[in-house]
C-alpha atoms as a PDB file:
ATOM      1  CA  UNK A   1      19.756 -95.755   8.739  1.00  0.00           C
ATOM      2  CA  UNK A   2      16.992 -93.375  10.529  1.00  0.00           C
ATOM      3  CA  UNK A   3      17.839 -94.163  14.485  1.00  0.00           C
ATOM      4  CA  UNK A   4      21.582 -93.509  13.415  1.00  0.00           C
ATOM      5  CA  UNK A   5      20.424 -90.024  12.512  1.00  0.00           C
ATOM      6  CA  UNK A   6      18.255 -89.257  15.279  1.00  0.00           C
ATOM      7  CA  UNK A   7      21.485 -90.490  17.477  1.00  0.00           C
ATOM      8  CA  UNK A   8      24.544 -88.211  15.903  1.00  0.00           C
ATOM      9  CA  UNK A   9      21.966 -85.467  15.667  1.00  0.00           C
ATOM     10  CA  UNK A  10      21.042 -84.875  18.653  1.00  0.00           C
ATOM     11  CA  UNK A  11      24.695 -83.957  20.822  1.00  0.00           C
ATOM     12  CA  UNK A  12      25.642 -81.651  17.153  1.00  0.00           C
ATOM     13  CA  UNK A  13      22.266 -80.098  18.355  1.00  0.00           C
ATOM     14  CA  UNK A  14      23.570 -79.725  21.497  1.00  0.00           C
ATOM     15  CA  UNK A  15      27.158 -78.586  20.905  1.00  0.00           C
ATOM     16  CA  UNK A  16      25.483 -76.141  18.439  1.00  0.00           C
ATOM     17  CA  UNK A  17      23.183 -74.417  20.617  1.00  0.00           C
ATOM     18  CA  UNK A  18      25.837 -74.107  24.114  1.00  0.00           C
ATOM     19  CA  UNK A  19      28.897 -73.101  20.966  1.00  0.00           C
ATOM     20  CA  UNK A  20      25.594 -69.846  20.184  1.00  0.00           C
ATOM     21  CA  UNK A  21      25.440 -68.876  23.772  1.00  0.00           C
ATOM     22  CA  UNK A  22      29.118 -68.728  24.167  1.00  0.00           C
ATOM     23  CA  UNK A  23      29.856 -66.816  21.519  1.00  0.00           C
ATOM     24  CA  UNK A  24      26.777 -64.832  20.578  1.00  0.00           C
ATOM     25  CA  UNK A  25      26.674 -60.679  21.978  1.00  0.00           C
ATOM     26  CA  UNK A  26      24.488 -59.066  24.007  1.00  0.00           C
ATOM     27  CA  UNK A  27      22.818 -56.671  21.371  1.00  0.00           C
ATOM     28  CA  UNK A  28      22.505 -52.963  21.896  1.00  0.00           C
ATOM     29  CA  UNK A  29      20.993 -51.672  19.139  1.00  0.00           C
ATOM     30  CA  UNK A  30      17.982 -51.273  20.335  1.00  0.00           C
ATOM     31  CA  UNK A  31      18.682 -49.586  23.789  1.00  0.00           C
ATOM     32  CA  UNK A  32      18.007 -52.192  25.620  1.00  0.00           C
ATOM     33  CA  UNK A  33      20.375 -51.188  28.292  1.00  0.00           C
ATOM     34  CA  UNK A  34      19.534 -47.759  28.567  1.00  0.00           C
ATOM     35  CA  UNK A  35      15.525 -48.099  30.171  1.00  0.00           C
ATOM     36  CA  UNK A  36      17.469 -49.615  33.023  1.00  0.00           C
ATOM     37  CA  UNK A  37      16.706 -47.089  35.666  1.00  0.00           C
ATOM     38  CA  UNK A  38      19.529 -48.972  38.360  1.00  0.00           C
ATOM     39  CA  UNK A  39      22.324 -48.605  34.856  1.00  0.00           C
ATOM     40  CA  UNK A  40      21.200 -45.498  34.210  1.00  0.00           C
ATOM     41  CA  UNK A  41      21.489 -44.141  38.333  1.00  0.00           C
ATOM     42  CA  UNK A  42      24.987 -45.903  38.568  1.00  0.00           C
ATOM     43  CA  UNK A  43      26.466 -43.796  35.193  1.00  0.00           C
ATOM     44  CA  UNK A  44      26.523 -40.208  35.690  1.00  0.00           C
ATOM     45  CA  UNK A  45      25.601 -37.677  38.329  1.00  0.00           C
ATOM     46  CA  UNK A  46      23.802 -34.093  37.440  1.00  0.00           C
ATOM     47  CA  UNK A  47      23.059 -31.247  39.887  1.00  0.00           C
ATOM     48  CA  UNK A  48      22.852 -28.035  40.399  1.00  0.00           C
ATOM     49  CA  UNK A  49      21.484 -27.961  36.751  1.00  0.00           C
ATOM     50  CA  UNK A  50      19.159 -24.561  35.286  1.00  0.00           C
ATOM     51  CA  UNK A  51      16.675 -24.896  32.567  1.00  0.00           C
ATOM     52  CA  UNK A  52      16.164 -21.070  31.403  1.00  0.00           C
ATOM     53  CA  UNK A  53      13.432 -20.027  29.844  1.00  0.00           C
ATOM     54  CA  UNK A  54      10.967 -22.747  31.156  1.00  0.00           C
ATOM     55  CA  UNK A  55       8.564 -21.670  28.574  1.00  0.00           C
ATOM     56  CA  UNK A  56       9.534 -21.060  24.224  1.00  0.00           C
ATOM     57  CA  UNK A  57       8.009 -20.260  21.402  1.00  0.00           C
ATOM     58  CA  UNK A  58       9.534 -21.569  18.505  1.00  0.00           C
ATOM     59  CA  UNK A  59      12.921 -19.492  17.613  1.00  0.00           C
ATOM     60  CA  UNK A  60      13.165 -18.852  21.375  1.00  0.00           C
ATOM     61  CA  UNK A  61      17.142 -19.316  23.117  1.00  0.00           C
ATOM     62  CA  UNK A  62      17.118 -21.845  25.695  1.00  0.00           C
ATOM     63  CA  UNK A  63      20.227 -22.283  27.993  1.00  0.00           C
ATOM     64  CA  UNK A  64      20.483 -25.387  30.262  1.00  0.00           C
ATOM     65  CA  UNK A  65      23.822 -25.245  32.846  1.00  0.00           C
ATOM     66  CA  UNK A  66      24.568 -27.443  35.506  1.00  0.00           C
ATOM     67  CA  UNK A  67      27.374 -30.052  36.977  1.00  0.00           C
ATOM     68  CA  UNK A  68      27.895 -33.735  36.586  1.00  0.00           C
ATOM     69  CA  UNK A  69      30.261 -36.666  37.412  1.00  0.00           C
ATOM     70  CA  UNK A  70      31.035 -40.197  35.920  1.00  0.00           C
ATOM     71  CA  UNK A  71      30.376 -41.874  38.723  1.00  0.00           C
ATOM     72  CA  UNK A  72      32.847 -44.284  40.135  1.00  0.00           C
ATOM     73  CA  UNK A  73      31.179 -46.985  40.217  1.00  0.00           C
ATOM     74  CA  UNK A  74      30.537 -47.525  36.640  1.00  0.00           C
ATOM     75  CA  UNK A  75      29.341 -50.296  35.740  1.00  0.00           C
ATOM     76  CA  UNK A  76      31.704 -53.127  33.699  1.00  0.00           C
ATOM     77  CA  UNK A  77      29.511 -54.118  30.986  1.00  0.00           C
ATOM     78  CA  UNK A  78      28.912 -50.601  29.609  1.00  0.00           C
ATOM     79  CA  UNK A  79      30.838 -49.093  27.795  1.00  0.00           C
ATOM     80  CA  UNK A  80      33.294 -46.374  29.308  1.00  0.00           C
ATOM     81  CA  UNK A  81      32.984 -43.101  29.693  1.00  0.00           C
ATOM     82  CA  UNK A  82      36.463 -42.286  29.094  1.00  0.00           C
ATOM     83  CA  UNK A  83      37.024 -44.068  26.106  1.00  0.00           C
ATOM     84  CA  UNK A  84      34.391 -41.993  24.175  1.00  0.00           C
ATOM     85  CA  UNK A  85      32.021 -39.988  25.289  1.00  0.00           C
ATOM     86  CA  UNK A  86      29.415 -37.103  23.774  1.00  0.00           C
ATOM     87  CA  UNK A  87      27.037 -34.587  25.089  1.00  0.00           C
ATOM     88  CA  UNK A  88      23.412 -35.161  24.420  1.00  0.00           C
ATOM     89  CA  UNK A  89      20.187 -33.297  24.902  1.00  0.00           C
ATOM     90  CA  UNK A  90      16.848 -35.908  24.644  1.00  0.00           C
ATOM     91  CA  UNK A  91      13.723 -34.264  25.139  1.00  0.00           C
ATOM     92  CA  UNK A  92      10.045 -36.129  24.777  1.00  0.00           C
ATOM     93  CA  UNK A  93       8.170 -32.645  24.156  1.00  0.00           C
ATOM     94  CA  UNK A  94       9.260 -29.476  21.798  1.00  0.00           C
ATOM     95  CA  UNK A  95      12.193 -30.486  19.446  1.00  0.00           C
ATOM     96  CA  UNK A  96      15.220 -28.480  19.973  1.00  0.00           C
ATOM     97  CA  UNK A  97      18.414 -27.228  17.629  1.00  0.00           C
ATOM     98  CA  UNK A  98      21.278 -27.577  19.401  1.00  0.00           C
ATOM     99  CA  UNK A  99      23.394 -24.284  18.738  1.00  0.00           C
ATOM    100  CA  UNK A 100      26.347 -25.230  21.558  1.00  0.00           C
ATOM    101  CA  UNK A 101      27.218 -26.820  23.864  1.00  0.00           C
ATOM    102  CA  UNK A 102      30.291 -26.440  26.600  1.00  0.00           C
ATOM    103  CA  UNK A 103      31.931 -27.965  28.819  1.00  0.00           C
ATOM    104  CA  UNK A 104      34.849 -26.704  31.501  1.00  0.00           C
ATOM    105  CA  UNK A 105      34.026 -24.097  29.123  1.00  0.00           C
ATOM    106  CA  UNK A 106      35.128 -25.481  25.534  1.00  0.00           C
ATOM    107  CA  UNK A 107      33.357 -26.544  22.856  1.00  0.00           C
ATOM    108  CA  UNK A 108      31.873 -29.846  22.278  1.00  0.00           C
ATOM    109  CA  UNK A 109      31.845 -30.193  18.637  1.00  0.00           C
ATOM    110  CA  UNK A 110      33.120 -33.734  18.776  1.00  0.00           C
ATOM    111  CA  UNK A 111      33.089 -36.600  21.145  1.00  0.00           C
ATOM    112  CA  UNK A 112      35.510 -36.368  24.350  1.00  0.00           C
ATOM    113  CA  UNK A 113      36.722 -38.487  27.376  1.00  0.00           C
ATOM    114  CA  UNK A 114      35.058 -37.818  30.639  1.00  0.00           C
ATOM    115  CA  UNK A 115      37.190 -39.273  33.725  1.00  0.00           C
ATOM    116  CA  UNK A 116      35.536 -40.979  36.418  1.00  0.00           C
ATOM    117  CA  UNK A 117      35.003 -39.172  39.812  1.00  0.00           C
ATOM    118  CA  UNK A 118      35.695 -35.596  38.175  1.00  0.00           C
ATOM    119  CA  UNK A 119      33.496 -32.478  38.345  1.00  0.00           C
ATOM    120  CA  UNK A 120      32.753 -31.202  35.147  1.00  0.00           C
ATOM    121  CA  UNK A 121      30.559 -28.022  34.643  1.00  0.00           C
ATOM    122  CA  UNK A 122      28.332 -27.723  31.674  1.00  0.00           C
ATOM    123  CA  UNK A 123      26.197 -24.763  29.251  1.00  0.00           C
ATOM    124  CA  UNK A 124      24.235 -25.708  26.327  1.00  0.00           C
ATOM    125  CA  UNK A 125      21.960 -23.913  24.344  1.00  0.00           C
ATOM    126  CA  UNK A 126      19.046 -25.032  22.235  1.00  0.00           C
ATOM    127  CA  UNK A 127      16.713 -22.959  20.135  1.00  0.00           C
ATOM    128  CA  UNK A 128      13.416 -23.969  20.274  1.00  0.00           C
ATOM    129  CA  UNK A 129      12.120 -26.064  16.352  1.00  0.00           C
ATOM    130  CA  UNK A 130       8.985 -26.665  16.511  1.00  0.00           C
ATOM    131  CA  UNK A 131       6.343 -26.583  19.284  1.00  0.00           C
ATOM    132  CA  UNK A 132       4.891 -29.452  20.449  1.00  0.00           C
ATOM    133  CA  UNK A 133       5.985 -31.860  17.938  1.00  0.00           C
ATOM    134  CA  UNK A 134       8.665 -34.715  19.410  1.00  0.00           C
ATOM    135  CA  UNK A 135      11.584 -34.706  17.246  1.00  0.00           C
ATOM    136  CA  UNK A 136      11.134 -37.806  15.830  1.00  0.00           C
ATOM    137  CA  UNK A 137       7.824 -37.663  14.023  1.00  0.00           C
ATOM    138  CA  UNK A 138       9.030 -34.062  12.097  1.00  0.00           C
ATOM    139  CA  UNK A 139      10.166 -34.291   8.639  1.00  0.00           C
ATOM    140  CA  UNK A 140      13.774 -32.139   9.013  1.00  0.00           C
ATOM    141  CA  UNK A 141      15.611 -34.577  10.772  1.00  0.00           C
END
């Protein structure tokens, strides 16, 4: 009886393993794809970016302006910018509060669509919140 169980278990295990690999999806919960520089460089092109002022104290206003263009060579395995996109600023240093953000003069309070190959002008107004403390470690986020 034991030999018969082992004989039918092996094909079943192979079928299960192949099935799991074929039907499992890529995990996107931890930012694995965002870590690859090759992908980041093929999604958005940024130029004429200006940050004023470059030194701030708590409560100071920072204005970031510039231009960007979604790449015509957008990677097929990433969600398209033509479906839903958000204008966001991420900084590793002092935490900022986003006061206003505009793309082509339109307020960006919700998601929007950015078409591949089209040039966009942006302006983001931030307020310095905590000097030298990353946002992830502050208790007010």
